[in-house]
Amino acid sequence: MTSDTEAGKAVVSGAGAVDDGLVAELVARAQAGGVKLTGEGGLLQQLTKRVLESALEGELQAFDITFDGRRTAGRR
C-alpha cells in the first residue's frame, strides 16, 4: 500500500486501500449515533455517494473540467 497527500486529501492505493480499523470505527460511530448501516440514508449509502463523488471529481480534474462543465484555467 502506498499513501500520499494530494491537495489535502489522502491518496491510498494497493491491496490495503481499505483500513479494517477505520471501517470498524465508522460502523461503531454510525451505530452509536443511531444511523442505519444500509438502506436510505444509511452509512453504506453515504459512503458510496462520497466515494463516487470523489472519484468523479478526480476524473474531472484530470481534464480540468468543473462540475458545471466549464474548463478551468490551464487547458485549452
N, C-alpha and C. Protein backbone atom coordinates (compact mmCIF):
# COMPACT_ATOMS: atom_id res chain seq x y z
N MET A 1 0.85 -1.18 0.00
CA MET A 1 0.00 0.00 0.00
C MET A 1 0.89 1.24 0.00
N THR A 2 0.50 2.22 -0.82
CA THR A 2 1.20 3.49 -0.80
C THR A 2 0.21 4.57 -0.41
N SER A 3 0.73 5.61 0.22
CA SER A 3 -0.13 6.70 0.64
C SER A 3 0.60 8.01 0.44
N ASP A 4 -0.06 8.97 -0.18
CA ASP A 4 0.47 10.30 -0.39
C ASP A 4 -0.63 11.29 -0.04
N THR A 5 -0.26 12.54 0.06
CA THR A 5 -1.25 13.57 0.27
C THR A 5 -1.28 14.46 -0.94
N GLU A 6 -2.45 14.62 -1.51
CA GLU A 6 -2.63 15.44 -2.71
C GLU A 6 -3.72 16.45 -2.41
N ALA A 7 -3.38 17.71 -2.42
CA ALA A 7 -4.32 18.80 -2.15
C ALA A 7 -5.09 18.58 -0.86
N GLY A 8 -4.39 18.12 0.19
CA GLY A 8 -5.02 17.95 1.48
C GLY A 8 -5.84 16.69 1.64
N LYS A 9 -5.85 15.84 0.63
CA LYS A 9 -6.62 14.60 0.70
C LYS A 9 -5.67 13.42 0.62
N ALA A 10 -5.96 12.40 1.37
CA ALA A 10 -5.13 11.20 1.36
C ALA A 10 -5.39 10.42 0.08
N VAL A 11 -4.33 9.98 -0.56
CA VAL A 11 -4.42 9.16 -1.75
C VAL A 11 -3.83 7.81 -1.39
N VAL A 12 -4.65 6.78 -1.41
CA VAL A 12 -4.21 5.45 -0.99
C VAL A 12 -4.40 4.49 -2.16
N SER A 13 -3.40 3.64 -2.37
CA SER A 13 -3.52 2.65 -3.43
C SER A 13 -2.99 1.32 -2.96
N GLY A 14 -3.30 0.29 -3.68
CA GLY A 14 -2.80 -1.04 -3.36
C GLY A 14 -3.83 -1.87 -2.63
N ALA A 15 -3.41 -3.06 -2.23
CA ALA A 15 -4.31 -4.02 -1.61
C ALA A 15 -4.84 -3.53 -0.27
N GLY A 16 -4.12 -2.66 0.42
CA GLY A 16 -4.54 -2.18 1.73
C GLY A 16 -5.32 -0.88 1.67
N ALA A 17 -5.98 -0.61 0.57
CA ALA A 17 -6.70 0.65 0.41
C ALA A 17 -7.85 0.79 1.39
N VAL A 18 -8.35 -0.32 1.90
CA VAL A 18 -9.43 -0.29 2.89
C VAL A 18 -8.85 -0.68 4.24
N ASP A 19 -8.92 0.23 5.18
CA ASP A 19 -8.40 0.03 6.52
C ASP A 19 -9.49 -0.58 7.39
N ASP A 20 -9.30 -1.82 7.84
CA ASP A 20 -10.31 -2.50 8.64
C ASP A 20 -10.62 -1.75 9.93
N GLY A 21 -9.62 -1.15 10.54
CA GLY A 21 -9.85 -0.37 11.75
C GLY A 21 -10.74 0.83 11.50
N LEU A 22 -10.51 1.50 10.38
CA LEU A 22 -11.32 2.66 10.02
C LEU A 22 -12.76 2.24 9.75
N VAL A 23 -12.93 1.13 9.06
CA VAL A 23 -14.28 0.62 8.78
C VAL A 23 -14.99 0.30 10.09
N ALA A 24 -14.31 -0.37 11.01
CA ALA A 24 -14.90 -0.71 12.30
C ALA A 24 -15.30 0.55 13.07
N GLU A 25 -14.44 1.57 13.00
CA GLU A 25 -14.75 2.83 13.69
C GLU A 25 -15.98 3.50 13.08
N LEU A 26 -16.06 3.52 11.76
CA LEU A 26 -17.22 4.13 11.10
C LEU A 26 -18.51 3.40 11.46
N VAL A 27 -18.46 2.07 11.46
CA VAL A 27 -19.64 1.28 11.82
C VAL A 27 -20.04 1.55 13.26
N ALA A 28 -19.08 1.56 14.17
CA ALA A 28 -19.37 1.82 15.58
C ALA A 28 -19.97 3.21 15.78
N ARG A 29 -19.41 4.20 15.10
CA ARG A 29 -19.92 5.57 15.23
C ARG A 29 -21.33 5.67 14.67
N ALA A 30 -21.58 4.99 13.55
CA ALA A 30 -22.92 5.01 12.96
C ALA A 30 -23.93 4.37 13.92
N GLN A 31 -23.58 3.21 14.46
CA GLN A 31 -24.48 2.53 15.39
C GLN A 31 -24.72 3.35 16.64
N ALA A 32 -23.66 3.97 17.18
CA ALA A 32 -23.80 4.80 18.38
C ALA A 32 -24.67 6.02 18.11
N GLY A 33 -24.62 6.52 16.88
CA GLY A 33 -25.41 7.70 16.52
C GLY A 33 -26.78 7.37 15.99
N GLY A 34 -27.14 6.08 15.99
CA GLY A 34 -28.47 5.70 15.52
C GLY A 34 -28.61 5.69 14.01
N VAL A 35 -27.50 5.68 13.29
CA VAL A 35 -27.53 5.66 11.83
C VAL A 35 -27.59 4.21 11.37
N LYS A 36 -28.51 3.92 10.45
CA LYS A 36 -28.62 2.57 9.90
C LYS A 36 -27.36 2.27 9.08
N LEU A 37 -27.01 1.01 8.97
CA LEU A 37 -25.86 0.64 8.16
C LEU A 37 -26.22 0.56 6.68
N THR A 38 -27.44 0.12 6.38
CA THR A 38 -27.88 0.00 4.99
C THR A 38 -29.20 0.74 4.82
N GLY A 39 -29.63 0.86 3.59
CA GLY A 39 -30.91 1.49 3.30
C GLY A 39 -30.78 2.99 3.10
N GLU A 40 -31.91 3.60 2.88
CA GLU A 40 -31.99 5.04 2.61
C GLU A 40 -31.35 5.84 3.74
N GLY A 41 -30.34 6.64 3.42
CA GLY A 41 -29.67 7.48 4.41
C GLY A 41 -28.71 6.73 5.31
N GLY A 42 -28.50 5.45 5.03
CA GLY A 42 -27.62 4.65 5.87
C GLY A 42 -26.15 4.92 5.58
N LEU A 43 -25.31 4.34 6.42
CA LEU A 43 -23.87 4.52 6.29
C LEU A 43 -23.36 4.08 4.91
N LEU A 44 -23.79 2.92 4.44
CA LEU A 44 -23.33 2.42 3.16
C LEU A 44 -23.71 3.37 2.02
N GLN A 45 -24.92 3.88 2.04
CA GLN A 45 -25.35 4.82 1.01
C GLN A 45 -24.52 6.11 1.06
N GLN A 46 -24.27 6.61 2.25
CA GLN A 46 -23.49 7.84 2.39
C GLN A 46 -22.05 7.65 1.92
N LEU A 47 -21.45 6.52 2.32
CA LEU A 47 -20.07 6.24 1.90
C LEU A 47 -19.97 6.06 0.39
N THR A 48 -20.92 5.33 -0.19
CA THR A 48 -20.92 5.12 -1.63
C THR A 48 -21.02 6.44 -2.36
N LYS A 49 -21.90 7.31 -1.90
CA LYS A 49 -22.07 8.63 -2.52
C LYS A 49 -20.77 9.43 -2.47
N ARG A 50 -20.14 9.44 -1.32
CA ARG A 50 -18.90 10.23 -1.17
C ARG A 50 -17.75 9.66 -2.00
N VAL A 51 -17.64 8.34 -2.03
CA VAL A 51 -16.57 7.71 -2.82
C VAL A 51 -16.78 8.00 -4.31
N LEU A 52 -18.01 7.86 -4.79
CA LEU A 52 -18.29 8.11 -6.20
C LEU A 52 -18.07 9.58 -6.57
N GLU A 53 -18.51 10.49 -5.69
CA GLU A 53 -18.30 11.92 -5.95
C GLU A 53 -16.81 12.26 -5.99
N SER A 54 -16.06 11.68 -5.09
CA SER A 54 -14.62 11.93 -5.04
C SER A 54 -13.94 11.40 -6.30
N ALA A 55 -14.34 10.22 -6.74
CA ALA A 55 -13.76 9.63 -7.96
C ALA A 55 -14.11 10.48 -9.18
N LEU A 56 -15.35 10.93 -9.25
CA LEU A 56 -15.78 11.77 -10.37
C LEU A 56 -15.03 13.09 -10.37
N GLU A 57 -14.88 13.69 -9.20
CA GLU A 57 -14.14 14.95 -9.10
C GLU A 57 -12.70 14.77 -9.58
N GLY A 58 -12.10 13.66 -9.20
CA GLY A 58 -10.74 13.37 -9.66
C GLY A 58 -10.66 13.24 -11.16
N GLU A 59 -11.62 12.57 -11.76
CA GLU A 59 -11.65 12.42 -13.22
C GLU A 59 -11.84 13.77 -13.89
N LEU A 60 -12.73 14.58 -13.36
CA LEU A 60 -12.96 15.90 -13.95
C LEU A 60 -11.72 16.78 -13.83
N GLN A 61 -11.03 16.69 -12.70
CA GLN A 61 -9.82 17.48 -12.52
C GLN A 61 -8.74 17.03 -13.49
N ALA A 62 -8.73 15.77 -13.84
CA ALA A 62 -7.75 15.27 -14.80
C ALA A 62 -7.93 15.94 -16.15
N PHE A 63 -9.15 16.35 -16.45
CA PHE A 63 -9.43 17.03 -17.71
C PHE A 63 -9.66 18.52 -17.51
N ASP A 64 -9.40 19.02 -16.30
CA ASP A 64 -9.59 20.43 -15.96
C ASP A 64 -11.00 20.90 -16.28
N ILE A 65 -11.99 20.13 -15.88
CA ILE A 65 -13.39 20.48 -16.10
C ILE A 65 -14.06 20.59 -14.75
N THR A 66 -14.89 21.63 -14.57
CA THR A 66 -15.62 21.79 -13.32
C THR A 66 -16.93 21.01 -13.40
N PHE A 67 -17.64 20.89 -12.27
CA PHE A 67 -18.89 20.14 -12.27
C PHE A 67 -19.92 20.73 -13.21
N ASP A 68 -19.87 22.03 -13.47
CA ASP A 68 -20.86 22.62 -14.39
C ASP A 68 -20.39 22.59 -15.84
N GLY A 69 -19.30 21.89 -16.13
CA GLY A 69 -18.86 21.68 -17.49
C GLY A 69 -17.88 22.70 -18.05
N ARG A 70 -17.56 23.74 -17.28
CA ARG A 70 -16.63 24.75 -17.76
C ARG A 70 -15.20 24.24 -17.61
N ARG A 71 -14.35 24.61 -18.53
CA ARG A 71 -12.93 24.27 -18.41
C ARG A 71 -12.28 25.26 -17.46
N THR A 72 -11.37 24.76 -16.66
CA THR A 72 -10.64 25.64 -15.75
C THR A 72 -9.40 26.13 -16.45
N ALA A 73 -8.74 27.08 -15.85
CA ALA A 73 -7.50 27.61 -16.42
C ALA A 73 -6.47 26.51 -16.51
N GLY A 74 -5.66 26.53 -17.52
CA GLY A 74 -4.58 25.55 -17.62
C GLY A 74 -4.69 24.66 -18.82
N ARG A 75 -5.88 24.47 -19.34
CA ARG A 75 -6.04 23.64 -20.55
C ARG A 75 -6.85 24.42 -21.57
N ARG A 76 -6.58 24.14 -22.80
CA ARG A 76 -7.32 24.82 -23.87
C ARG A 76 -7.99 23.83 -24.74
